[in-house]
Amino acid sequence: MKKLPLLFISLGLIIFAIGAWQIIDTKLQSNASLKEAKELVGKVQSDPKPASAEKDKPKFGDTVGLLTIPKIKAELAIVEGTDPNDLAKGVGHYTGSYFPGENGQIVLSGHRDTVFRRLGELKIGDKFEIQMPDGVYTYEISHTKIVEADDRTIITLQDEEEELIVTTCYPFSYVGDAPQRYIIYAKPM
């Protein structure tokens, strides 16, 4: 019976250590991806060129660009894919969605408790800037909405007009798997 408190203390320390390691690991991965993104777009020209249909499709986990959100002073690496390993590195580009300059729906996703912690502070008219190897693209928020977590209707992959969709879990302060998604729609400027 005297060993039971020691067991609970040990278990608590192990759980704390695992949580701390996950936070540190995510921070290290996102910092490495951010550095890689800055190097990738370091030679970006201020006048974007039309996207080439011949460019190589990135592999899952590849850093593909840099997302800047001036209002909340955020610089975030954009990585290909939206699985947990990809999202630990930065903002995920939904595979199959378009890239800036390709005249279609661009879908970016991120965790509300890491890269998109302050996303709820953004308002209509605020800007997103995406730096890619072929140029810099600016988008203005046109509207937002909240949908259920399993609602996939916002991802249409349409190719009629360019639009940026940024998604994260909602409510922002929810602990655990959030029941909804916060969706931001932005149009090119």
N, C-alpha and C. Protein backbone atom coordinates (compact mmCIF):
# COMPACT_ATOMS: atom_id res chain seq x y z
N MET A 1 0.81 -1.19 0.00
CA MET A 1 0.00 0.00 0.00
C MET A 1 0.86 1.27 0.00
N LYS A 2 2.05 1.18 0.62
CA LYS A 2 2.93 2.35 0.68
C LYS A 2 3.53 2.67 -0.68
N LYS A 3 3.54 1.70 -1.59
CA LYS A 3 4.13 1.91 -2.90
C LYS A 3 3.13 2.52 -3.89
N LEU A 4 1.87 2.51 -3.56
CA LEU A 4 0.84 3.04 -4.46
C LEU A 4 1.04 4.53 -4.76
N PRO A 5 1.29 5.40 -3.76
CA PRO A 5 1.53 6.81 -4.08
C PRO A 5 2.77 6.99 -4.98
N LEU A 6 3.80 6.20 -4.72
CA LEU A 6 5.00 6.28 -5.54
C LEU A 6 4.71 5.87 -6.98
N LEU A 7 3.86 4.87 -7.15
CA LEU A 7 3.45 4.43 -8.48
C LEU A 7 2.70 5.54 -9.22
N PHE A 8 1.76 6.20 -8.53
CA PHE A 8 1.00 7.29 -9.15
C PHE A 8 1.91 8.48 -9.50
N ILE A 9 2.84 8.81 -8.64
CA ILE A 9 3.78 9.90 -8.91
C ILE A 9 4.63 9.54 -10.13
N SER A 10 5.13 8.32 -10.17
CA SER A 10 5.94 7.88 -11.31
C SER A 10 5.15 7.91 -12.61
N LEU A 11 3.91 7.43 -12.55
CA LEU A 11 3.05 7.45 -13.73
C LEU A 11 2.79 8.88 -14.19
N GLY A 12 2.54 9.78 -13.26
CA GLY A 12 2.33 11.19 -13.59
C GLY A 12 3.55 11.82 -14.25
N LEU A 13 4.73 11.50 -13.73
CA LEU A 13 5.96 12.03 -14.31
C LEU A 13 6.18 11.50 -15.72
N ILE A 14 5.86 10.24 -15.95
CA ILE A 14 6.00 9.65 -17.28
C ILE A 14 5.05 10.32 -18.26
N ILE A 15 3.81 10.52 -17.87
CA ILE A 15 2.83 11.18 -18.74
C ILE A 15 3.27 12.61 -19.04
N PHE A 16 3.75 13.32 -18.02
CA PHE A 16 4.24 14.68 -18.21
C PHE A 16 5.41 14.70 -19.19
N ALA A 17 6.35 13.77 -19.03
CA ALA A 17 7.53 13.71 -19.90
C ALA A 17 7.13 13.44 -21.35
N ILE A 18 6.16 12.55 -21.55
CA ILE A 18 5.69 12.26 -22.91
C ILE A 18 5.07 13.51 -23.54
N GLY A 19 4.23 14.20 -22.79
CA GLY A 19 3.61 15.43 -23.29
C GLY A 19 4.63 16.50 -23.60
N ALA A 20 5.60 16.67 -22.71
CA ALA A 20 6.65 17.67 -22.93
C ALA A 20 7.46 17.32 -24.18
N TRP A 21 7.78 16.04 -24.35
CA TRP A 21 8.54 15.63 -25.54
C TRP A 21 7.75 15.91 -26.81
N GLN A 22 6.44 15.65 -26.81
CA GLN A 22 5.63 15.90 -28.00
C GLN A 22 5.62 17.38 -28.36
N ILE A 23 5.53 18.23 -27.36
CA ILE A 23 5.56 19.68 -27.61
C ILE A 23 6.91 20.10 -28.17
N ILE A 24 7.98 19.62 -27.57
CA ILE A 24 9.33 19.97 -28.03
C ILE A 24 9.57 19.44 -29.44
N ASP A 25 9.17 18.20 -29.70
CA ASP A 25 9.37 17.60 -31.01
C ASP A 25 8.62 18.37 -32.10
N THR A 26 7.37 18.76 -31.82
CA THR A 26 6.58 19.53 -32.79
C THR A 26 7.25 20.88 -33.05
N LYS A 27 7.74 21.53 -32.00
CA LYS A 27 8.40 22.82 -32.16
C LYS A 27 9.68 22.67 -33.00
N LEU A 28 10.45 21.63 -32.73
CA LEU A 28 11.68 21.40 -33.51
C LEU A 28 11.36 21.13 -34.98
N GLN A 29 10.34 20.30 -35.25
CA GLN A 29 9.97 19.99 -36.63
C GLN A 29 9.46 21.23 -37.36
N SER A 30 8.61 22.02 -36.68
CA SER A 30 8.06 23.21 -37.34
C SER A 30 9.14 24.25 -37.58
N ASN A 31 10.10 24.39 -36.66
CA ASN A 31 11.20 25.33 -36.88
C ASN A 31 12.08 24.90 -38.05
N ALA A 32 12.36 23.59 -38.15
CA ALA A 32 13.16 23.08 -39.27
C ALA A 32 12.43 23.31 -40.59
N SER A 33 11.13 23.07 -40.62
CA SER A 33 10.35 23.27 -41.84
C SER A 33 10.29 24.74 -42.21
N LEU A 34 10.18 25.62 -41.21
CA LEU A 34 10.14 27.06 -41.47
C LEU A 34 11.47 27.52 -42.09
N LYS A 35 12.57 27.03 -41.55
CA LYS A 35 13.88 27.37 -42.11
C LYS A 35 13.98 26.89 -43.56
N GLU A 36 13.52 25.66 -43.80
CA GLU A 36 13.54 25.11 -45.15
C GLU A 36 12.65 25.92 -46.10
N ALA A 37 11.47 26.34 -45.62
CA ALA A 37 10.56 27.14 -46.44
C ALA A 37 11.18 28.48 -46.80
N LYS A 38 11.84 29.11 -45.85
CA LYS A 38 12.47 30.40 -46.12
C LYS A 38 13.59 30.26 -47.15
N GLU A 39 14.34 29.16 -47.07
CA GLU A 39 15.38 28.91 -48.07
C GLU A 39 14.77 28.64 -49.44
N LEU A 40 13.67 27.89 -49.46
CA LEU A 40 13.00 27.54 -50.71
C LEU A 40 12.49 28.77 -51.45
N VAL A 41 11.91 29.70 -50.71
CA VAL A 41 11.31 30.88 -51.34
C VAL A 41 12.23 32.09 -51.28
N GLY A 42 13.45 31.89 -50.83
CA GLY A 42 14.39 32.99 -50.70
C GLY A 42 14.66 33.73 -51.99
N LYS A 43 14.50 33.06 -53.09
CA LYS A 43 14.77 33.68 -54.39
C LYS A 43 13.49 34.02 -55.13
N VAL A 44 12.38 34.13 -54.39
CA VAL A 44 11.09 34.43 -55.01
C VAL A 44 11.13 35.80 -55.67
N GLN A 45 10.56 35.85 -56.82
CA GLN A 45 10.43 37.13 -57.51
C GLN A 45 9.13 37.78 -57.05
N SER A 46 9.10 39.08 -56.99
CA SER A 46 7.90 39.77 -56.51
C SER A 46 6.75 39.71 -57.51
N ASP A 47 7.02 39.38 -58.75
CA ASP A 47 5.97 39.27 -59.76
C ASP A 47 5.76 37.80 -60.09
N PRO A 48 4.65 37.19 -59.59
CA PRO A 48 4.47 35.75 -59.82
C PRO A 48 4.34 35.40 -61.30
N LYS A 49 4.94 34.26 -61.65
CA LYS A 49 4.82 33.74 -63.01
C LYS A 49 3.72 32.70 -63.02
N PRO A 50 3.08 32.48 -64.16
CA PRO A 50 2.06 31.43 -64.21
C PRO A 50 2.64 30.09 -63.79
N ALA A 51 1.86 29.33 -63.03
CA ALA A 51 2.31 28.02 -62.56
C ALA A 51 2.53 27.09 -63.75
N SER A 52 3.57 26.34 -63.70
CA SER A 52 3.90 25.42 -64.78
C SER A 52 3.19 24.09 -64.57
N ALA A 53 2.54 23.59 -65.60
CA ALA A 53 1.87 22.30 -65.51
C ALA A 53 2.89 21.17 -65.44
N GLU A 54 4.14 21.48 -65.82
CA GLU A 54 5.18 20.46 -65.86
C GLU A 54 5.92 20.31 -64.54
N LYS A 55 5.64 21.16 -63.55
CA LYS A 55 6.43 21.07 -62.33
C LYS A 55 6.13 19.76 -61.59
N ASP A 56 7.15 19.28 -60.91
CA ASP A 56 7.03 18.02 -60.17
C ASP A 56 6.06 18.18 -59.02
N LYS A 57 5.24 17.16 -58.82
CA LYS A 57 4.33 17.15 -57.68
C LYS A 57 5.14 16.82 -56.44
N PRO A 58 4.94 17.56 -55.37
CA PRO A 58 5.71 17.29 -54.15
C PRO A 58 5.28 15.98 -53.49
N LYS A 59 6.19 15.40 -52.72
CA LYS A 59 5.89 14.19 -51.95
C LYS A 59 5.34 14.60 -50.59
N PHE A 60 4.62 13.68 -49.94
CA PHE A 60 4.11 13.95 -48.61
C PHE A 60 5.24 14.38 -47.69
N GLY A 61 5.02 15.44 -46.95
CA GLY A 61 6.01 15.93 -46.00
C GLY A 61 6.99 16.93 -46.57
N ASP A 62 7.01 17.10 -47.90
CA ASP A 62 7.91 18.08 -48.51
C ASP A 62 7.46 19.49 -48.16
N THR A 63 8.42 20.36 -47.90
CA THR A 63 8.12 21.77 -47.71
C THR A 63 7.92 22.39 -49.08
N VAL A 64 6.77 23.08 -49.27
CA VAL A 64 6.45 23.61 -50.60
C VAL A 64 6.36 25.13 -50.65
N GLY A 65 6.27 25.79 -49.50
CA GLY A 65 6.13 27.24 -49.52
C GLY A 65 6.08 27.81 -48.13
N LEU A 66 5.74 29.10 -48.06
CA LEU A 66 5.70 29.83 -46.80
C LEU A 66 4.39 30.62 -46.73
N LEU A 67 3.66 30.46 -45.63
CA LEU A 67 2.42 31.21 -45.40
C LEU A 67 2.72 32.29 -44.38
N THR A 68 2.41 33.53 -44.74
CA THR A 68 2.57 34.66 -43.83
C THR A 68 1.19 35.25 -43.56
N ILE A 69 0.91 35.48 -42.27
CA ILE A 69 -0.35 36.11 -41.87
C ILE A 69 0.02 37.39 -41.12
N PRO A 70 0.06 38.54 -41.82
CA PRO A 70 0.55 39.78 -41.21
C PRO A 70 -0.20 40.20 -39.94
N LYS A 71 -1.51 40.08 -39.91
CA LYS A 71 -2.30 40.55 -38.76
C LYS A 71 -1.86 39.91 -37.45
N ILE A 72 -1.51 38.62 -37.50
CA ILE A 72 -1.11 37.93 -36.26
C ILE A 72 0.40 37.65 -36.24
N LYS A 73 1.12 38.29 -37.17
CA LYS A 73 2.57 38.18 -37.23
C LYS A 73 3.04 36.72 -37.25
N ALA A 74 2.45 35.94 -38.14
CA ALA A 74 2.78 34.51 -38.25
C ALA A 74 3.50 34.22 -39.55
N GLU A 75 4.56 33.43 -39.46
CA GLU A 75 5.27 32.88 -40.61
C GLU A 75 5.28 31.38 -40.42
N LEU A 76 4.68 30.67 -41.37
CA LEU A 76 4.49 29.23 -41.21
C LEU A 76 4.89 28.49 -42.48
N ALA A 77 5.61 27.39 -42.29
CA ALA A 77 5.97 26.55 -43.44
C ALA A 77 4.71 25.85 -43.95
N ILE A 78 4.63 25.71 -45.26
CA ILE A 78 3.56 24.93 -45.89
C ILE A 78 4.19 23.62 -46.33
N VAL A 79 3.62 22.51 -45.87
CA VAL A 79 4.13 21.19 -46.23
C VAL A 79 3.05 20.43 -46.99
N GLU A 80 3.48 19.52 -47.84
CA GLU A 80 2.53 18.73 -48.62
C GLU A 80 1.93 17.64 -47.74
N GLY A 81 0.59 17.60 -47.69
CA GLY A 81 -0.12 16.57 -46.95
C GLY A 81 -0.72 17.10 -45.65
N THR A 82 -1.71 16.35 -45.17
CA THR A 82 -2.42 16.78 -43.96
C THR A 82 -2.51 15.66 -42.92
N ASP A 83 -1.63 14.69 -43.00
CA ASP A 83 -1.65 13.67 -41.95
C ASP A 83 -0.90 14.20 -40.73
N PRO A 84 -1.00 13.54 -39.57
CA PRO A 84 -0.38 14.07 -38.36
C PRO A 84 1.12 14.37 -38.49
N ASN A 85 1.87 13.55 -39.21
CA ASN A 85 3.30 13.82 -39.38
C ASN A 85 3.54 15.10 -40.17
N ASP A 86 2.72 15.34 -41.19
CA ASP A 86 2.86 16.56 -41.99
C ASP A 86 2.48 17.79 -41.17
N LEU A 87 1.37 17.71 -40.44
CA LEU A 87 0.89 18.85 -39.66
C LEU A 87 1.80 19.18 -38.48
N ALA A 88 2.63 18.24 -38.06
CA ALA A 88 3.61 18.52 -37.01
C ALA A 88 4.71 19.45 -37.53
N LYS A 89 4.86 19.52 -38.86
CA LYS A 89 5.90 20.34 -39.47
C LYS A 89 5.42 21.75 -39.80
N GLY A 90 4.10 21.93 -39.93
CA GLY A 90 3.59 23.25 -40.30
C GLY A 90 2.17 23.16 -40.81
N VAL A 91 1.84 24.04 -41.73
CA VAL A 91 0.51 24.08 -42.34
C VAL A 91 0.48 23.05 -43.46
N GLY A 92 -0.54 22.22 -43.49
CA GLY A 92 -0.63 21.18 -44.51
C GLY A 92 -1.37 21.64 -45.76
N HIS A 93 -0.79 21.36 -46.92
CA HIS A 93 -1.45 21.59 -48.21
C HIS A 93 -2.22 20.32 -48.53
N TYR A 94 -3.53 20.42 -48.67
CA TYR A 94 -4.37 19.27 -48.96
C TYR A 94 -4.01 18.71 -50.33
N THR A 95 -3.50 17.51 -50.34
CA THR A 95 -3.07 16.87 -51.58
C THR A 95 -4.26 16.74 -52.54
N GLY A 96 -4.05 17.16 -53.75
CA GLY A 96 -5.11 17.15 -54.75
C GLY A 96 -5.69 18.53 -54.96
N SER A 97 -5.52 19.41 -53.98
CA SER A 97 -5.97 20.79 -54.19
C SER A 97 -4.89 21.52 -54.99
N TYR A 98 -5.24 22.69 -55.48
CA TYR A 98 -4.35 23.43 -56.36
C TYR A 98 -3.31 24.21 -55.57
N PHE A 99 -2.34 24.74 -56.30
CA PHE A 99 -1.34 25.64 -55.73
C PHE A 99 -1.66 27.05 -56.22
N PRO A 100 -1.13 28.07 -55.57
CA PRO A 100 -1.35 29.44 -56.03
C PRO A 100 -0.95 29.59 -57.50
N GLY A 101 -1.78 30.34 -58.22
CA GLY A 101 -1.52 30.59 -59.63
C GLY A 101 -2.08 29.53 -60.56
N GLU A 102 -2.68 28.47 -60.03
CA GLU A 102 -3.22 27.39 -60.87
C GLU A 102 -4.73 27.53 -61.11
N ASN A 103 -5.33 28.63 -60.65
CA ASN A 103 -6.73 28.94 -60.90
C ASN A 103 -7.68 27.86 -60.38
N GLY A 104 -7.51 27.46 -59.13
CA GLY A 104 -8.40 26.48 -58.53
C GLY A 104 -8.46 26.66 -57.02
N GLN A 105 -9.08 25.69 -56.37
CA GLN A 105 -9.24 25.75 -54.92
C GLN A 105 -7.97 25.26 -54.22
N ILE A 106 -7.38 26.15 -53.41
CA ILE A 106 -6.18 25.85 -52.61
C ILE A 106 -6.67 25.58 -51.20
N VAL A 107 -6.34 24.42 -50.62
CA VAL A 107 -6.80 24.09 -49.28
C VAL A 107 -5.59 23.90 -48.37
N LEU A 108 -5.54 24.71 -47.31
CA LEU A 108 -4.48 24.62 -46.30
C LEU A 108 -5.12 24.32 -44.95
N SER A 109 -4.51 23.42 -44.18
CA SER A 109 -5.04 23.05 -42.87
C SER A 109 -3.93 23.06 -41.84
N GLY A 110 -4.33 23.31 -40.59
CA GLY A 110 -3.36 23.30 -39.50
C GLY A 110 -4.05 23.09 -38.17
N HIS A 111 -3.27 22.72 -37.18
CA HIS A 111 -3.82 22.50 -35.84
C HIS A 111 -4.10 23.83 -35.14
N ARG A 112 -5.21 23.90 -34.45
CA ARG A 112 -5.59 25.11 -33.73
C ARG A 112 -4.71 25.35 -32.51
N ASP A 113 -4.07 24.30 -32.02
CA ASP A 113 -3.25 24.47 -30.82
C ASP A 113 -1.75 24.56 -31.12
N THR A 114 -1.40 24.64 -32.41
CA THR A 114 0.01 24.85 -32.77
C THR A 114 0.10 26.01 -33.75
N VAL A 115 0.11 25.74 -35.05
CA VAL A 115 0.34 26.79 -36.05
C VAL A 115 -0.80 27.80 -36.16
N PHE A 116 -2.03 27.38 -35.92
CA PHE A 116 -3.17 28.29 -36.07
C PHE A 116 -3.77 28.71 -34.73
N ARG A 117 -2.94 28.82 -33.72
CA ARG A 117 -3.39 29.19 -32.38
C ARG A 117 -4.17 30.51 -32.36
N ARG A 118 -3.77 31.47 -33.18
CA ARG A 118 -4.40 32.80 -33.15
C ARG A 118 -5.29 33.07 -34.36
N LEU A 119 -5.67 32.04 -35.09
CA LEU A 119 -6.45 32.21 -36.32
C LEU A 119 -7.80 32.88 -36.07
N GLY A 120 -8.38 32.69 -34.89
CA GLY A 120 -9.67 33.29 -34.56
C GLY A 120 -9.64 34.80 -34.47
N GLU A 121 -8.45 35.40 -34.44
CA GLU A 121 -8.33 36.86 -34.37
C GLU A 121 -8.51 37.52 -35.73
N LEU A 122 -8.48 36.73 -36.80
CA LEU A 122 -8.58 37.30 -38.14
C LEU A 122 -10.01 37.72 -38.46
N LYS A 123 -10.13 38.76 -39.26
CA LYS A 123 -11.43 39.31 -39.67
C LYS A 123 -11.50 39.41 -41.19
N ILE A 124 -12.72 39.66 -41.68
CA ILE A 124 -12.92 39.89 -43.12
C ILE A 124 -12.01 41.05 -43.54
N GLY A 125 -11.32 40.86 -44.66
CA GLY A 125 -10.42 41.89 -45.17
C GLY A 125 -8.96 41.68 -44.78
N ASP A 126 -8.69 40.84 -43.78
CA ASP A 126 -7.31 40.55 -43.42
C ASP A 126 -6.66 39.73 -44.54
N LYS A 127 -5.34 39.70 -44.55
CA LYS A 127 -4.60 39.12 -45.67
C LYS A 127 -3.83 37.85 -45.27
N PHE A 128 -3.65 37.00 -46.27
CA PHE A 128 -2.73 35.87 -46.23
C PHE A 128 -1.75 36.11 -47.38
N GLU A 129 -0.48 35.80 -47.15
CA GLU A 129 0.50 35.87 -48.23
C GLU A 129 1.15 34.50 -48.34
N ILE A 130 1.14 33.96 -49.55
CA ILE A 130 1.78 32.67 -49.79
C ILE A 130 2.97 32.90 -50.71
N GLN A 131 4.15 32.51 -50.22
CA GLN A 131 5.36 32.59 -51.02
C GLN A 131 5.69 31.19 -51.52
N MET A 132 5.79 31.09 -52.82
CA MET A 132 6.13 29.83 -53.48
C MET A 132 7.41 30.06 -54.30
N PRO A 133 8.06 29.02 -54.75
CA PRO A 133 9.27 29.22 -55.56
C PRO A 133 9.03 30.04 -56.83
N ASP A 134 7.78 30.07 -57.32
CA ASP A 134 7.50 30.81 -58.56
C ASP A 134 6.88 32.18 -58.33
N GLY A 135 6.73 32.62 -57.07
CA GLY A 135 6.18 33.94 -56.85
C GLY A 135 5.52 34.11 -55.50
N VAL A 136 5.00 35.32 -55.31
CA VAL A 136 4.31 35.69 -54.07
C VAL A 136 2.85 35.96 -54.42
N TYR A 137 1.95 35.37 -53.64
CA TYR A 137 0.51 35.48 -53.90
C TYR A 137 -0.17 36.01 -52.64
N THR A 138 -1.04 37.01 -52.81
CA THR A 138 -1.74 37.60 -51.68
C THR A 138 -3.23 37.34 -51.80
N TYR A 139 -3.85 36.99 -50.68
CA TYR A 139 -5.28 36.68 -50.62
C TYR A 139 -5.92 37.50 -49.51
N GLU A 140 -7.17 37.90 -49.74
CA GLU A 140 -7.92 38.67 -48.75
C GLU A 140 -9.11 37.84 -48.27
N ILE A 141 -9.29 37.81 -46.96
CA ILE A 141 -10.40 37.03 -46.38
C ILE A 141 -11.73 37.63 -46.82
N SER A 142 -12.58 36.78 -47.41
CA SER A 142 -13.89 37.24 -47.88
C SER A 142 -15.01 36.82 -46.92
N HIS A 143 -14.89 35.63 -46.33
CA HIS A 143 -15.89 35.20 -45.35
C HIS A 143 -15.38 33.96 -44.60
N THR A 144 -16.10 33.63 -43.53
CA THR A 144 -15.75 32.47 -42.71
C THR A 144 -17.02 31.68 -42.41
N LYS A 145 -16.84 30.43 -42.00
CA LYS A 145 -17.98 29.67 -41.52
C LYS A 145 -17.48 28.53 -40.64
N ILE A 146 -18.40 27.98 -39.89
CA ILE A 146 -18.11 26.86 -39.00
C ILE A 146 -18.95 25.68 -39.47
N VAL A 147 -18.30 24.53 -39.62
CA VAL A 147 -18.99 23.32 -40.08
C VAL A 147 -18.68 22.18 -39.12
N GLU A 148 -19.43 21.12 -39.24
CA GLU A 148 -19.18 19.93 -38.42
C GLU A 148 -17.87 19.28 -38.86
N ALA A 149 -17.23 18.58 -37.96
CA ALA A 149 -15.91 17.98 -38.23
C ALA A 149 -15.91 17.04 -39.42
N ASP A 150 -17.02 16.36 -39.66
CA ASP A 150 -17.07 15.39 -40.77
C ASP A 150 -17.62 15.98 -42.07
N ASP A 151 -17.84 17.28 -42.12
CA ASP A 151 -18.37 17.93 -43.31
C ASP A 151 -17.24 18.13 -44.33
N ARG A 152 -17.31 17.43 -45.43
CA ARG A 152 -16.29 17.52 -46.48
C ARG A 152 -16.76 18.34 -47.68
N THR A 153 -17.90 19.00 -47.56
CA THR A 153 -18.45 19.73 -48.70
C THR A 153 -17.67 20.99 -49.05
N ILE A 154 -16.86 21.49 -48.13
CA ILE A 154 -16.10 22.70 -48.45
C ILE A 154 -14.96 22.43 -49.40
N ILE A 155 -14.48 21.20 -49.43
CA ILE A 155 -13.39 20.84 -50.33
C ILE A 155 -14.00 20.31 -51.63
N THR A 156 -14.09 21.21 -52.60
CA THR A 156 -14.70 20.83 -53.89
C THR A 156 -13.66 20.58 -54.97
N LEU A 157 -12.45 21.10 -54.74
CA LEU A 157 -11.36 21.02 -55.72
C LEU A 157 -11.78 21.60 -57.07
N GLN A 158 -12.63 22.62 -57.02
CA GLN A 158 -13.08 23.30 -58.24
C GLN A 158 -11.90 23.98 -58.92
N ASP A 159 -12.00 24.12 -60.24
CA ASP A 159 -10.95 24.77 -61.00
C ASP A 159 -11.49 25.90 -61.87
N GLU A 160 -12.56 26.55 -61.38
CA GLU A 160 -13.17 27.64 -62.14
C GLU A 160 -12.62 28.99 -61.75
N GLU A 161 -12.24 29.14 -60.48
CA GLU A 161 -11.64 30.39 -60.03
C GLU A 161 -10.74 30.10 -58.84
N GLU A 162 -9.71 30.92 -58.71
CA GLU A 162 -8.77 30.70 -57.61
C GLU A 162 -9.39 31.16 -56.30
N GLU A 163 -9.31 30.30 -55.28
CA GLU A 163 -9.73 30.67 -53.94
C GLU A 163 -8.86 29.90 -52.94
N LEU A 164 -8.58 30.55 -51.83
CA LEU A 164 -7.81 29.93 -50.76
C LEU A 164 -8.78 29.58 -49.64
N ILE A 165 -8.70 28.34 -49.17
CA ILE A 165 -9.50 27.89 -48.03
C ILE A 165 -8.53 27.45 -46.95
N VAL A 166 -8.67 28.03 -45.76
CA VAL A 166 -7.83 27.69 -44.62
C VAL A 166 -8.74 27.06 -43.57
N THR A 167 -8.36 25.88 -43.09
CA THR A 167 -9.21 25.16 -42.13
C THR A 167 -8.43 24.81 -40.86
N THR A 168 -9.16 24.78 -39.75
CA THR A 168 -8.61 24.32 -38.48
C THR A 168 -9.76 23.82 -37.62
N CYS A 169 -9.43 23.15 -36.55
CA CYS A 169 -10.46 22.63 -35.64
C CYS A 169 -11.09 23.77 -34.85
N TYR A 170 -12.31 23.55 -34.41
CA TYR A 170 -13.08 24.56 -33.69
C TYR A 170 -13.98 23.87 -32.67
N PRO A 171 -14.23 24.41 -31.53
CA PRO A 171 -13.82 25.69 -30.97
C PRO A 171 -12.32 25.72 -30.65
N PHE A 172 -11.76 26.92 -30.66
CA PHE A 172 -10.33 27.08 -30.48
C PHE A 172 -9.85 26.63 -29.11
N SER A 173 -10.67 26.81 -28.09
CA SER A 173 -10.24 26.46 -26.74
C SER A 173 -10.68 25.06 -26.31
N TYR A 174 -11.22 24.29 -27.21
CA TYR A 174 -11.71 22.94 -26.91
C TYR A 174 -10.53 22.01 -26.59
N VAL A 175 -10.70 21.18 -25.58
CA VAL A 175 -9.67 20.20 -25.23
C VAL A 175 -10.05 18.86 -25.84
N GLY A 176 -9.12 18.26 -26.59
CA GLY A 176 -9.41 16.99 -27.25
C GLY A 176 -9.80 17.19 -28.70
N ASP A 177 -10.38 16.14 -29.28
CA ASP A 177 -10.82 16.21 -30.67
C ASP A 177 -12.02 17.13 -30.80
N ALA A 178 -11.83 18.24 -31.48
CA ALA A 178 -12.90 19.24 -31.61
C ALA A 178 -14.01 18.75 -32.52
N PRO A 179 -15.26 19.10 -32.20
CA PRO A 179 -16.40 18.61 -32.97
C PRO A 179 -16.68 19.39 -34.26
N GLN A 180 -15.99 20.53 -34.46
CA GLN A 180 -16.28 21.36 -35.62
C GLN A 180 -14.99 21.82 -36.29
N ARG A 181 -15.16 22.47 -37.47
CA ARG A 181 -14.04 23.05 -38.20
C ARG A 181 -14.35 24.51 -38.49
N TYR A 182 -13.33 25.34 -38.38
CA TYR A 182 -13.42 26.76 -38.68
C TYR A 182 -12.83 26.93 -40.07
N ILE A 183 -13.60 27.51 -40.97
CA ILE A 183 -13.21 27.64 -42.38
C ILE A 183 -13.08 29.11 -42.73
N ILE A 184 -11.96 29.48 -43.33
CA ILE A 184 -11.73 30.84 -43.82
C ILE A 184 -11.61 30.78 -45.34
N TYR A 185 -12.38 31.60 -46.01
CA TYR A 185 -12.33 31.73 -47.47
C TYR A 185 -11.61 33.03 -47.82
N ALA A 186 -10.68 32.97 -48.76
CA ALA A 186 -9.96 34.16 -49.18
C ALA A 186 -9.82 34.17 -50.71
N LYS A 187 -9.90 35.35 -51.25
CA LYS A 187 -9.82 35.55 -52.71
C LYS A 187 -8.49 36.21 -53.05
N PRO A 188 -7.95 35.92 -54.25
CA PRO A 188 -6.69 36.55 -54.65
C PRO A 188 -6.86 38.05 -54.83
N MET A 189 -5.80 38.77 -54.55
CA MET A 189 -5.83 40.23 -54.70
C MET A 189 -5.13 40.62 -56.00
